[in-house]
C-alpha atoms as a PDB file:
ATOM      1  CA  MET A   1     -51.385   4.822 -11.964  1.00  0.00           C
ATOM      2  CA  SER A   2     -48.027   6.122 -10.702  1.00  0.00           C
ATOM      3  CA  ASP A   3     -46.442   9.356 -11.857  1.00  0.00           C
ATOM      4  CA  ALA A   4     -43.173   9.468 -13.808  1.00  0.00           C
ATOM      5  CA  ILE A   5     -42.951  13.278 -13.812  1.00  0.00           C
ATOM      6  CA  GLU A   6     -44.377  15.748 -11.303  1.00  0.00           C
ATOM      7  CA  LEU A   7     -44.167  19.528 -11.422  1.00  0.00           C
ATOM      8  CA  ARG A   8     -45.662  21.683  -8.701  1.00  0.00           C
ATOM      9  CA  ALA A   9     -45.827  25.503  -8.769  1.00  0.00           C
ATOM     10  CA  VAL A  10     -42.753  25.711 -11.021  1.00  0.00           C
ATOM     11  CA  GLU A  11     -41.502  29.187 -11.859  1.00  0.00           C
ATOM     12  CA  PHE A  12     -38.382  30.145 -13.791  1.00  0.00           C
ATOM     13  CA  SER A  13     -37.011  33.543 -14.759  1.00  0.00           C
ATOM     14  CA  TYR A  14     -34.333  34.825 -17.089  1.00  0.00           C
ATOM     15  CA  GLY A  15     -33.505  38.047 -15.333  1.00  0.00           C
ATOM     16  CA  GLU A  16     -36.757  39.994 -15.198  1.00  0.00           C
ATOM     17  CA  ARG A  17     -38.461  37.837 -17.845  1.00  0.00           C
ATOM     18  CA  LEU A  18     -40.713  35.142 -16.389  1.00  0.00           C
ATOM     19  CA  ALA A  19     -40.440  32.047 -18.603  1.00  0.00           C
ATOM     20  CA  LEU A  20     -42.527  29.677 -16.460  1.00  0.00           C
ATOM     21  CA  ALA A  21     -45.332  31.044 -14.324  1.00  0.00           C
ATOM     22  CA  GLY A  22     -46.569  28.489 -11.807  1.00  0.00           C
ATOM     23  CA  VAL A  23     -46.615  25.278 -13.862  1.00  0.00           C
ATOM     24  CA  ASP A  24     -48.402  22.259 -12.378  1.00  0.00           C
ATOM     25  CA  LEU A  25     -48.121  19.087 -14.436  1.00  0.00           C
ATOM     26  CA  THR A  26     -48.219  15.316 -14.010  1.00  0.00           C
ATOM     27  CA  VAL A  27     -47.060  12.678 -16.493  1.00  0.00           C
ATOM     28  CA  HIS A  28     -48.170   9.140 -15.671  1.00  0.00           C
ATOM     29  CA  ASP A  29     -45.875   6.164 -15.759  1.00  0.00           C
ATOM     30  CA  GLY A  30     -45.829   4.503 -19.175  1.00  0.00           C
ATOM     31  CA  GLU A  31     -47.635   7.193 -21.160  1.00  0.00           C
ATOM     32  CA  CYS A  32     -46.568   9.279 -24.126  1.00  0.00           C
ATOM     33  CA  PHE A  33     -46.990  12.950 -23.252  1.00  0.00           C
ATOM     34  CA  ALA A  34     -46.509  16.020 -25.456  1.00  0.00           C
ATOM     35  CA  LEU A  35     -45.695  19.605 -24.505  1.00  0.00           C
ATOM     36  CA  LEU A  36     -47.271  21.697 -27.259  1.00  0.00           C
ATOM     37  CA  GLY A  37     -46.753  25.400 -27.694  1.00  0.00           C
ATOM     38  CA  PRO A  38     -45.552  28.137 -30.040  1.00  0.00           C
ATOM     39  CA  ASN A  39     -42.104  29.689 -29.773  1.00  0.00           C
ATOM     40  CA  GLY A  40     -41.663  31.456 -26.459  1.00  0.00           C
ATOM     41  CA  SER A  41     -44.318  29.392 -24.667  1.00  0.00           C
ATOM     42  CA  GLY A  42     -41.893  27.885 -22.129  1.00  0.00           C
ATOM     43  CA  LYS A  43     -41.399  24.408 -23.654  1.00  0.00           C
ATOM     44  CA  SER A  44     -37.623  24.652 -23.919  1.00  0.00           C
ATOM     45  CA  THR A  45     -37.228  25.990 -20.396  1.00  0.00           C
ATOM     46  CA  LEU A  46     -39.380  23.195 -19.017  1.00  0.00           C
ATOM     47  CA  PHE A  47     -37.341  20.655 -20.984  1.00  0.00           C
ATOM     48  CA  ARG A  48     -34.111  22.055 -19.546  1.00  0.00           C
ATOM     49  CA  LEU A  49     -35.465  21.679 -16.021  1.00  0.00           C
ATOM     50  CA  LEU A  50     -36.534  18.075 -16.603  1.00  0.00           C
ATOM     51  CA  THR A  51     -33.115  17.179 -18.022  1.00  0.00           C
ATOM     52  CA  THR A  52     -31.312  18.992 -15.138  1.00  0.00           C
ATOM     53  CA  MET A  53     -29.706  21.353 -17.673  1.00  0.00           C
ATOM     54  CA  ALA A  54     -31.144  24.296 -15.718  1.00  0.00           C
ATOM     55  CA  PRO A  55     -31.517  24.649 -11.939  1.00  0.00           C
ATOM     56  CA  VAL A  56     -34.916  24.555 -10.276  1.00  0.00           C
ATOM     57  CA  GLN A  57     -35.499  28.113  -9.060  1.00  0.00           C
ATOM     58  CA  ARG A  58     -38.960  27.882  -7.519  1.00  0.00           C
ATOM     59  CA  GLY A  59     -41.358  24.975  -7.099  1.00  0.00           C
ATOM     60  CA  GLU A  60     -40.801  21.216  -7.239  1.00  0.00           C
ATOM     61  CA  VAL A  61     -39.678  19.091 -10.198  1.00  0.00           C
ATOM     62  CA  ARG A  62     -39.527  15.302  -9.798  1.00  0.00           C
ATOM     63  CA  VAL A  63     -38.566  12.802 -12.498  1.00  0.00           C
ATOM     64  CA  ALA A  64     -38.684   9.020 -11.977  1.00  0.00           C
ATOM     65  CA  GLY A  65     -39.166   9.599  -8.265  1.00  0.00           C
ATOM     66  CA  CYS A  66     -36.097  11.839  -7.878  1.00  0.00           C
ATOM     67  CA  ASP A  67     -35.959  15.537  -7.036  1.00  0.00           C
ATOM     68  CA  CYS A  68     -34.288  17.522  -9.827  1.00  0.00           C
ATOM     69  CA  ARG A  69     -33.036  20.133  -7.366  1.00  0.00           C
ATOM     70  CA  ASP A  70     -31.551  17.811  -4.728  1.00  0.00           C
ATOM     71  CA  GLU A  71     -30.811  14.649  -6.759  1.00  0.00           C
ATOM     72  CA  PRO A  72     -29.746  15.711 -10.277  1.00  0.00           C
ATOM     73  CA  ALA A  73     -27.269  12.820 -10.672  1.00  0.00           C
ATOM     74  CA  ALA A  74     -29.969  10.292  -9.801  1.00  0.00           C
ATOM     75  CA  VAL A  75     -32.308  11.899 -12.330  1.00  0.00           C
ATOM     76  CA  ARG A  76     -29.669  11.661 -15.077  1.00  0.00           C
ATOM     77  CA  GLN A  77     -29.240   7.954 -14.412  1.00  0.00           C
ATOM     78  CA  ARG A  78     -32.960   7.387 -14.941  1.00  0.00           C
ATOM     79  CA  ILE A  79     -33.588   9.455 -18.057  1.00  0.00           C
ATOM     80  CA  GLY A  80     -32.707   9.224 -21.719  1.00  0.00           C
ATOM     81  CA  VAL A  81     -32.481  12.478 -23.662  1.00  0.00           C
ATOM     82  CA  VAL A  82     -32.712  13.329 -27.347  1.00  0.00           C
ATOM     83  CA  PHE A  83     -31.909  16.994 -27.873  1.00  0.00           C
ATOM     84  CA  GLN A  84     -33.076  19.025 -30.844  1.00  0.00           C
ATOM     85  CA  SER A  85     -29.473  19.565 -31.958  1.00  0.00           C
ATOM     86  CA  PRO A  86     -27.661  16.460 -33.262  1.00  0.00           C
ATOM     87  CA  SER A  87     -25.326  14.759 -30.786  1.00  0.00           C
ATOM     88  CA  LEU A  88     -23.722  12.119 -33.029  1.00  0.00           C
ATOM     89  CA  ASP A  89     -20.027  12.266 -33.859  1.00  0.00           C
ATOM     90  CA  PRO A  90     -20.164  12.287 -37.670  1.00  0.00           C
ATOM     91  CA  GLN A  91     -16.739  10.653 -37.998  1.00  0.00           C
ATOM     92  CA  LEU A  92     -17.653   7.643 -35.850  1.00  0.00           C
ATOM     93  CA  THR A  93     -19.653   4.657 -37.000  1.00  0.00           C
ATOM     94  CA  VAL A  94     -23.085   3.929 -35.597  1.00  0.00           C
ATOM     95  CA  ALA A  95     -21.668   1.258 -33.278  1.00  0.00           C
ATOM     96  CA  GLU A  96     -18.832   3.524 -32.135  1.00  0.00           C
ATOM     97  CA  ASN A  97     -21.294   6.287 -31.216  1.00  0.00           C
ATOM     98  CA  LEU A  98     -23.241   3.790 -29.141  1.00  0.00           C
ATOM     99  CA  HIS A  99     -20.071   2.467 -27.525  1.00  0.00           C
ATOM    100  CA  CYS A 100     -19.124   5.984 -26.382  1.00  0.00           C
ATOM    101  CA  GLN A 101     -22.612   6.499 -24.964  1.00  0.00           C
ATOM    102  CA  GLY A 102     -22.451   3.219 -23.076  1.00  0.00           C
ATOM    103  CA  ALA A 103     -19.099   4.132 -21.549  1.00  0.00           C
ATOM    104  CA  LEU A 104     -20.611   7.330 -20.149  1.00  0.00           C
ATOM    105  CA  TYR A 105     -23.123   5.206 -18.238  1.00  0.00           C
ATOM    106  CA  GLY A 106     -20.572   2.704 -16.969  1.00  0.00           C
ATOM    107  CA  LEU A 107     -21.356  -0.059 -19.461  1.00  0.00           C
ATOM    108  CA  TYR A 108     -18.449  -2.070 -20.834  1.00  0.00           C
ATOM    109  CA  GLY A 109     -17.310  -5.433 -22.123  1.00  0.00           C
ATOM    110  CA  ALA A 110     -19.688  -8.169 -23.197  1.00  0.00           C
ATOM    111  CA  ALA A 111     -22.660  -6.512 -21.509  1.00  0.00           C
ATOM    112  CA  LEU A 112     -22.192  -3.356 -23.570  1.00  0.00           C
ATOM    113  CA  ALA A 113     -21.635  -5.306 -26.785  1.00  0.00           C
ATOM    114  CA  ASP A 114     -24.827  -7.295 -26.211  1.00  0.00           C
ATOM    115  CA  ARG A 115     -26.776  -4.151 -25.419  1.00  0.00           C
ATOM    116  CA  ILE A 116     -25.514  -2.403 -28.558  1.00  0.00           C
ATOM    117  CA  SER A 117     -26.566  -5.374 -30.695  1.00  0.00           C
ATOM    118  CA  ALA A 118     -29.987  -5.383 -29.039  1.00  0.00           C
ATOM    119  CA  VAL A 119     -30.770  -1.701 -29.636  1.00  0.00           C
ATOM    120  CA  LEU A 120     -29.440  -1.850 -33.200  1.00  0.00           C
ATOM    121  CA  SER A 121     -31.862  -4.703 -33.841  1.00  0.00           C
ATOM    122  CA  ASP A 122     -34.772  -2.930 -32.091  1.00  0.00           C
ATOM    123  CA  PHE A 123     -34.301   0.218 -34.196  1.00  0.00           C
ATOM    124  CA  GLY A 124     -33.644  -1.552 -37.494  1.00  0.00           C
ATOM    125  CA  LEU A 125     -30.012  -0.420 -37.604  1.00  0.00           C
ATOM    126  CA  SER A 126     -28.114  -3.722 -37.534  1.00  0.00           C
ATOM    127  CA  ASP A 127     -27.047  -3.391 -41.160  1.00  0.00           C
ATOM    128  CA  ARG A 128     -25.800   0.171 -40.501  1.00  0.00           C
ATOM    129  CA  ARG A 129     -23.594  -0.515 -37.500  1.00  0.00           C
ATOM    130  CA  HIS A 130     -20.317  -0.020 -39.412  1.00  0.00           C
ATOM    131  CA  GLU A 131     -21.414   3.048 -41.403  1.00  0.00           C
ATOM    132  CA  ARG A 132     -20.131   6.473 -40.441  1.00  0.00           C
ATOM    133  CA  SER A 133     -22.885   8.654 -38.995  1.00  0.00           C
ATOM    134  CA  LYS A 134     -22.232  11.453 -41.486  1.00  0.00           C
ATOM    135  CA  THR A 135     -23.392   9.175 -44.335  1.00  0.00           C
ATOM    136  CA  LEU A 136     -26.839   8.496 -42.825  1.00  0.00           C
ATOM    137  CA  SER A 137     -30.102  10.197 -43.791  1.00  0.00           C
ATOM    138  CA  GLY A 138     -31.828  12.510 -41.331  1.00  0.00           C
ATOM    139  CA  GLY A 139     -34.316   9.823 -40.339  1.00  0.00           C
ATOM    140  CA  LEU A 140     -31.622   7.218 -39.703  1.00  0.00           C
ATOM    141  CA  LYS A 141     -29.577   9.702 -37.666  1.00  0.00           C
ATOM    142  CA  ARG A 142     -32.638  10.280 -35.489  1.00  0.00           C
ATOM    143  CA  ARG A 143     -32.942   6.515 -34.999  1.00  0.00           C
ATOM    144  CA  VAL A 144     -29.338   6.351 -33.841  1.00  0.00           C
ATOM    145  CA  GLU A 145     -30.013   9.262 -31.453  1.00  0.00           C
ATOM    146  CA  LEU A 146     -32.928   7.296 -30.002  1.00  0.00           C
ATOM    147  CA  ALA A 147     -30.848   4.130 -29.762  1.00  0.00           C
ATOM    148  CA  LYS A 148     -28.216   6.091 -27.814  1.00  0.00           C
ATOM    149  CA  SER A 149     -30.812   7.519 -25.468  1.00  0.00           C
ATOM    150  CA  VAL A 150     -32.225   4.119 -24.437  1.00  0.00           C
ATOM    151  CA  LEU A 151     -28.967   2.172 -24.332  1.00  0.00           C
ATOM    152  CA  HIS A 152     -28.920   2.285 -20.509  1.00  0.00           C
ATOM    153  CA  ARG A 153     -32.641   1.360 -20.240  1.00  0.00           C
ATOM    154  CA  PRO A 154     -33.963   4.683 -18.884  1.00  0.00           C
ATOM    155  CA  GLU A 155     -37.303   4.888 -17.123  1.00  0.00           C
ATOM    156  CA  VAL A 156     -38.188   8.203 -18.792  1.00  0.00           C
ATOM    157  CA  LEU A 157     -37.312   9.309 -22.342  1.00  0.00           C
ATOM    158  CA  LEU A 158     -37.257  13.076 -23.000  1.00  0.00           C
ATOM    159  CA  LEU A 159     -37.222  14.397 -26.564  1.00  0.00           C
ATOM    160  CA  ASP A 160     -36.927  18.021 -27.680  1.00  0.00           C
ATOM    161  CA  GLU A 161     -38.657  18.683 -31.023  1.00  0.00           C
ATOM    162  CA  PRO A 162     -37.778  15.168 -32.280  1.00  0.00           C
ATOM    163  CA  SER A 163     -39.253  15.655 -35.774  1.00  0.00           C
ATOM    164  CA  THR A 164     -37.213  18.762 -36.619  1.00  0.00           C
ATOM    165  CA  GLY A 165     -35.747  18.440 -40.116  1.00  0.00           C
ATOM    166  CA  LEU A 166     -37.400  15.105 -40.902  1.00  0.00           C
ATOM    167  CA  ASP A 167     -39.501  14.430 -43.987  1.00  0.00           C
ATOM    168  CA  PRO A 168     -43.024  12.951 -43.538  1.00  0.00           C
ATOM    169  CA  GLY A 169     -41.817   9.383 -44.081  1.00  0.00           C
ATOM    170  CA  ALA A 170     -39.063   9.726 -41.490  1.00  0.00           C
ATOM    171  CA  ARG A 171     -41.541  11.258 -39.037  1.00  0.00           C
ATOM    172  CA  LEU A 172     -43.801   8.230 -39.446  1.00  0.00           C
ATOM    173  CA  ASP A 173     -40.849   5.903 -38.827  1.00  0.00           C
ATOM    174  CA  LEU A 174     -39.896   7.917 -35.746  1.00  0.00           C
ATOM    175  CA  TRP A 175     -43.358   7.547 -34.245  1.00  0.00           C
ATOM    176  CA  GLN A 176     -43.409   3.834 -34.918  1.00  0.00           C
ATOM    177  CA  VAL A 177     -40.235   3.533 -32.870  1.00  0.00           C
ATOM    178  CA  LEU A 178     -41.632   5.748 -30.092  1.00  0.00           C
ATOM    179  CA  MET A 179     -44.778   3.638 -29.847  1.00  0.00           C
ATOM    180  CA  GLN A 180     -42.605   0.533 -29.684  1.00  0.00           C
ATOM    181  CA  LEU A 181     -40.735   2.029 -26.722  1.00  0.00           C
ATOM    182  CA  ARG A 182     -43.983   3.051 -25.068  1.00  0.00           C
ATOM    183  CA  GLY A 183     -45.239  -0.515 -25.496  1.00  0.00           C
ATOM    184  CA  GLN A 184     -42.158  -1.702 -23.606  1.00  0.00           C
ATOM    185  CA  GLY A 185     -43.102   0.500 -20.652  1.00  0.00           C
ATOM    186  CA  THR A 186     -40.926   3.564 -21.267  1.00  0.00           C
ATOM    187  CA  THR A 187     -42.490   6.883 -20.290  1.00  0.00           C
ATOM    188  CA  ILE A 188     -42.068   9.387 -23.125  1.00  0.00           C
ATOM    189  CA  LEU A 189     -42.266  13.176 -22.944  1.00  0.00           C
ATOM    190  CA  LEU A 190     -41.634  15.292 -26.023  1.00  0.00           C
ATOM    191  CA  THR A 191     -41.821  18.957 -26.886  1.00  0.00           C
ATOM    192  CA  THR A 192     -43.310  19.991 -30.208  1.00  0.00           C
ATOM    193  CA  HIS A 193     -44.817  22.912 -32.094  1.00  0.00           C
ATOM    194  CA  LEU A 194     -46.457  20.543 -34.595  1.00  0.00           C
ATOM    195  CA  LEU A 195     -50.173  20.121 -33.989  1.00  0.00           C
ATOM    196  CA  GLU A 196     -50.380  16.786 -35.806  1.00  0.00           C
ATOM    197  CA  GLU A 197     -47.510  15.417 -33.714  1.00  0.00           C
ATOM    198  CA  ALA A 198     -49.173  16.364 -30.436  1.00  0.00           C
ATOM    199  CA  GLU A 199     -52.311  14.535 -31.611  1.00  0.00           C
ATOM    200  CA  LYS A 200     -50.398  11.242 -31.454  1.00  0.00           C
ATOM    201  CA  ALA A 201     -49.647  11.503 -27.740  1.00  0.00           C
ATOM    202  CA  ASP A 202     -51.791   9.895 -25.049  1.00  0.00           C
ATOM    203  CA  ARG A 203     -52.136  13.299 -23.403  1.00  0.00           C
ATOM    204  CA  LEU A 204     -50.755  16.754 -24.032  1.00  0.00           C
ATOM    205  CA  ALA A 205     -50.298  20.048 -22.257  1.00  0.00           C
ATOM    206  CA  ILE A 206     -50.673  23.269 -24.237  1.00  0.00           C
ATOM    207  CA  LEU A 207     -48.330  26.016 -23.038  1.00  0.00           C
ATOM    208  CA  ASN A 208     -48.599  29.736 -23.669  1.00  0.00           C
ATOM    209  CA  HIS A 209     -46.492  32.471 -22.094  1.00  0.00           C
ATOM    210  CA  GLY A 210     -45.143  30.078 -19.470  1.00  0.00           C
ATOM    211  CA  ARG A 211     -48.498  28.700 -18.346  1.00  0.00           C
ATOM    212  CA  VAL A 212     -50.341  25.439 -18.951  1.00  0.00           C
ATOM    213  CA  ILE A 213     -53.611  26.550 -20.519  1.00  0.00           C
ATOM    214  CA  ALA A 214     -55.018  23.072 -21.229  1.00  0.00           C
ATOM    215  CA  CYS A 215     -54.075  19.495 -20.405  1.00  0.00           C
ATOM    216  CA  ASP A 216     -55.861  16.315 -21.522  1.00  0.00           C
ATOM    217  CA  SER A 217     -56.064  13.954 -24.467  1.00  0.00           C
ATOM    218  CA  ALA A 218     -56.449  15.583 -27.879  1.00  0.00           C
ATOM    219  CA  PRO A 219     -59.948  14.117 -28.464  1.00  0.00           C
ATOM    220  CA  GLN A 220     -61.095  15.368 -25.060  1.00  0.00           C
ATOM    221  CA  LEU A 221     -59.754  18.884 -25.618  1.00  0.00           C
ATOM    222  CA  ARG A 222     -61.259  19.110 -29.095  1.00  0.00           C
ATOM    223  CA  GLY A 223     -64.539  17.651 -27.901  1.00  0.00           C
ATOM    224  CA  GLU A 224     -64.987  20.452 -25.375  1.00  0.00           C
ATOM    225  CA  LEU A 225     -65.540  22.844 -28.300  1.00  0.00           C
ATOM    226  CA  GLY A 226     -68.435  20.868 -29.723  1.00  0.00           C
ATOM    227  CA  PRO A 227     -68.702  18.756 -32.860  1.00  0.00           C
ATOM    228  CA  GLU A 228     -67.950  21.558 -35.374  1.00  0.00           C
ATOM    229  CA  VAL A 229     -66.478  25.033 -35.670  1.00  0.00           C
ATOM    230  CA  LEU A 230     -67.045  27.594 -38.420  1.00  0.00           C
ATOM    231  CA  THR A 231     -64.245  29.770 -39.784  1.00  0.00           C
ATOM    232  CA  VAL A 232     -65.298  32.822 -41.810  1.00  0.00           C
ATOM    233  CA  HIS A 233     -63.279  35.235 -43.938  1.00  0.00           C
ATOM    234  CA  ALA A 234     -65.250  38.393 -44.679  1.00  0.00           C
ATOM    235  CA  ASP A 235     -64.874  42.039 -45.722  1.00  0.00           C
ATOM    236  CA  ASP A 236     -65.619  43.159 -42.177  1.00  0.00           C
ATOM    237  CA  PRO A 237     -64.722  40.643 -39.434  1.00  0.00           C
ATOM    238  CA  VAL A 238     -66.528  42.747 -36.821  1.00  0.00           C
ATOM    239  CA  GLU A 239     -69.750  42.505 -38.815  1.00  0.00           C
ATOM    240  CA  ALA A 240     -69.214  38.770 -39.391  1.00  0.00           C
ATOM    241  CA  LEU A 241     -68.842  38.230 -35.653  1.00  0.00           C
ATOM    242  CA  ALA A 242     -71.917  40.334 -34.875  1.00  0.00           C
ATOM    243  CA  VAL A 243     -74.034  38.300 -37.306  1.00  0.00           C
ATOM    244  CA  GLY A 244     -72.887  35.107 -35.597  1.00  0.00           C
ATOM    245  CA  ASN A 245     -73.655  36.510 -32.151  1.00  0.00           C
ATOM    246  CA  ALA A 246     -77.139  37.514 -33.301  1.00  0.00           C
ATOM    247  CA  LEU A 247     -77.741  33.874 -34.211  1.00  0.00           C
ATOM    248  CA  GLY A 248     -76.608  32.661 -30.790  1.00  0.00           C
ATOM    249  CA  LEU A 249     -73.090  31.640 -31.790  1.00  0.00           C
ATOM    250  CA  GLU A 250     -69.990  32.303 -29.711  1.00  0.00           C
ATOM    251  CA  GLY A 251     -67.061  33.695 -31.641  1.00  0.00           C
ATOM    252  CA  LYS A 252     -63.743  35.501 -31.810  1.00  0.00           C
ATOM    253  CA  ILE A 253     -61.840  37.508 -34.376  1.00  0.00           C
ATOM    254  CA  ALA A 254     -58.261  36.565 -35.197  1.00  0.00           C
ATOM    255  CA  GLY A 255     -56.740  38.716 -37.913  1.00  0.00           C
ATOM    256  CA  GLN A 256     -59.123  38.702 -40.867  1.00  0.00           C
ATOM    257  CA  ALA A 257     -60.820  35.451 -39.783  1.00  0.00           C
ATOM    258  CA  VAL A 258     -63.837  34.926 -37.559  1.00  0.00           C
ATOM    259  CA  TRP A 259     -64.131  31.740 -35.523  1.00  0.00           C
ATOM    260  CA  LEU A 260     -67.624  30.614 -34.460  1.00  0.00           C
ATOM    261  CA  ARG A 261     -69.055  27.732 -32.463  1.00  0.00           C
ATOM    262  CA  GLY A 262     -72.170  26.911 -30.498  1.00  0.00           C
ATOM    263  CA  ASP A 263     -75.219  24.693 -30.258  1.00  0.00           C
ATOM    264  CA  GLY A 264     -77.146  24.555 -33.491  1.00  0.00           C
ATOM    265  CA  LEU A 265     -74.183  25.702 -35.573  1.00  0.00           C
ATOM    266  CA  LEU A 266     -75.120  23.574 -38.575  1.00  0.00           C
ATOM    267  CA  ASP A 267     -78.717  24.798 -38.548  1.00  0.00           C
ATOM    268  CA  ALA A 268     -77.578  28.419 -38.287  1.00  0.00           C
ATOM    269  CA  ILE A 269     -75.214  28.377 -41.273  1.00  0.00           C
ATOM    270  CA  PRO A 270     -77.831  28.971 -44.053  1.00  0.00           C
ATOM    271  CA  GLU A 271     -79.248  32.009 -42.255  1.00  0.00           C
ATOM    272  CA  TYR A 272     -75.765  33.215 -41.383  1.00  0.00           C
ATOM    273  CA  ALA A 273     -74.716  33.027 -45.053  1.00  0.00           C
ATOM    274  CA  ARG A 274     -77.898  34.797 -46.142  1.00  0.00           C
ATOM    275  CA  ARG A 275     -77.398  37.704 -43.729  1.00  0.00           C
ATOM    276  CA  LEU A 276     -73.736  38.187 -44.575  1.00  0.00           C
ATOM    277  CA  GLY A 277     -74.231  37.712 -48.310  1.00  0.00           C
ATOM    278  CA  ASP A 278     -71.357  38.373 -50.672  1.00  0.00           C
ATOM    279  CA  ARG A 279     -69.478  40.214 -47.928  1.00  0.00           C
ATOM    280  CA  ALA A 280     -68.282  36.748 -46.869  1.00  0.00           C
ATOM    281  CA  HIS A 281     -65.386  35.394 -48.932  1.00  0.00           C
ATOM    282  CA  SER A 282     -65.433  31.895 -47.478  1.00  0.00           C
ATOM    283  CA  LEU A 283     -67.150  29.801 -44.827  1.00  0.00           C
ATOM    284  CA  THR A 284     -65.398  26.649 -43.688  1.00  0.00           C
ATOM    285  CA  ILE A 285     -66.913  24.149 -41.277  1.00  0.00           C
ATOM    286  CA  ALA A 286     -64.806  21.408 -39.759  1.00  0.00           C
ATOM    287  CA  GLN A 287     -64.270  19.370 -36.633  1.00  0.00           C
ATOM    288  CA  PRO A 288     -62.358  21.331 -33.981  1.00  0.00           C
ATOM    289  CA  SER A 289     -58.558  21.170 -34.148  1.00  0.00           C
ATOM    290  CA  LEU A 290     -55.937  21.753 -31.495  1.00  0.00           C
ATOM    291  CA  GLU A 291     -55.403  25.188 -33.036  1.00  0.00           C
ATOM    292  CA  ASP A 292     -59.077  25.884 -32.325  1.00  0.00           C
ATOM    293  CA  VAL A 293     -58.470  24.806 -28.719  1.00  0.00           C
ATOM    294  CA  PHE A 294     -55.528  27.212 -28.525  1.00  0.00           C
ATOM    295  CA  LEU A 295     -57.612  30.037 -29.983  1.00  0.00           C
ATOM    296  CA  ALA A 296     -60.489  29.367 -27.591  1.00  0.00           C
ATOM    297  CA  ARG A 297     -58.170  29.380 -24.568  1.00  0.00           C
ATOM    298  CA  THR A 298     -55.841  32.241 -25.506  1.00  0.00           C
ATOM    299  CA  GLY A 299     -57.599  34.444 -28.052  1.00  0.00           C
ATOM    300  CA  SER A 300     -54.653  34.048 -30.439  1.00  0.00           C
ATOM    301  CA  ARG A 301     -53.856  31.912 -33.452  1.00  0.00           C
ATOM    302  CA  PHE A 302     -51.292  29.221 -32.678  1.00  0.00           C
ATOM    303  CA  PHE A 303     -48.827  29.934 -35.462  1.00  0.00           C
ATOM    304  CA  THR A 304     -49.105  33.695 -35.865  1.00  0.00           C
ATOM    305  CA  GLY A 305     -49.807  34.884 -32.348  1.00  0.00           C
ATOM    306  CA  GLU A 306     -52.479  37.218 -33.777  1.00  0.00           C
ATOM    307  CA  GLY A 307     -54.703  38.435 -31.022  1.00  0.00           C
ATOM    308  CA  ALA A 308     -58.422  37.693 -31.143  1.00  0.00           C
ATOM    309  CA  ARG A 309     -61.286  39.875 -30.027  1.00  0.00           C
END
C-alpha cells in the first residue's frame, strides 16, 4: 500500500507558541482519513501545511509524492481543497463557479464543458447548473464546493471541517458523496471535531496540543479499552474512584464524573453500587467511545478540556 501523505517530525510555531510538536503521520493511498481533535489541537495548522497555505518550518511534509517545502506548485496541482469558509461566488451560477475553477487549472473549451457536466452529474447537481449559488441550501452549496475541488481530478482531497453548518440530512448526503469519491480511488483527508464523523473514516489520528496521541481505525482504538466502560456521577468523585480501585478497576476523574474500566467490570458493578450506595447519582455502562479514548490518553474530556486525575 503506497502513501498519499507523509509527515515526519513536523514542528510548527507561531512565535513562541508551539502548534505542532513532532508530528509523524502516514495516510495511505485511497483511504479516507480523519484528523480529530478539540480546538487548539493543531488540526488547522496541519491542514494549512498540507495545502501549502503555510510554510514547512521543521520536518518533512509530502503530499502525492511531492515535497510541500520544495515543490508547492506541484502539490497544488495534485490536491483538491474544500476550506471551512465558503468559496463560492454567490452571484454566479453553479456552472459559472465551476467554469472559473476550471480556468484556474488550465481547463478550457469542450474539455472543460464535458468535465463540468460530468461532475454535476456525479454530485446530483445537473438540474441546478443554472441556479445562482446564493439560492442554494447549505448542503447543496457544500456539494458544489466538492464538485469544484475535484474538477481537475486531484489525487488527494483535503477538507477542513466539511460538516460545519450542515443539518444531519445534509451531513449524510455529504458522506455519501465522499464515499463515492473514495470508491473512485481518491484519497480523502478531513479535519473534524465531531466524534461521530471521525468514526466514518477508515483510520483517524487524534490530536491534542500539537501531538498525535492515537492513530488507528475507530474500532481498534475503542477496542483497546475493553468491551465496556463505566461512567459514574457521585457526591464525592474521589471516593467513587477509590471504590472502583478497591475492586480492581482502573479509573480517572474528569470534573464531577468518574470513568472506570477493567477486566471483570460487569461482575464488579453490583458490589460497586452497594459500596457507594445513594452517594452515587448515576452509573452508566456503555461500549467505549472515541471520547473515552481521548480521556484515557490525555486525562481530559474531549469537549470541555477538563483535566482528569
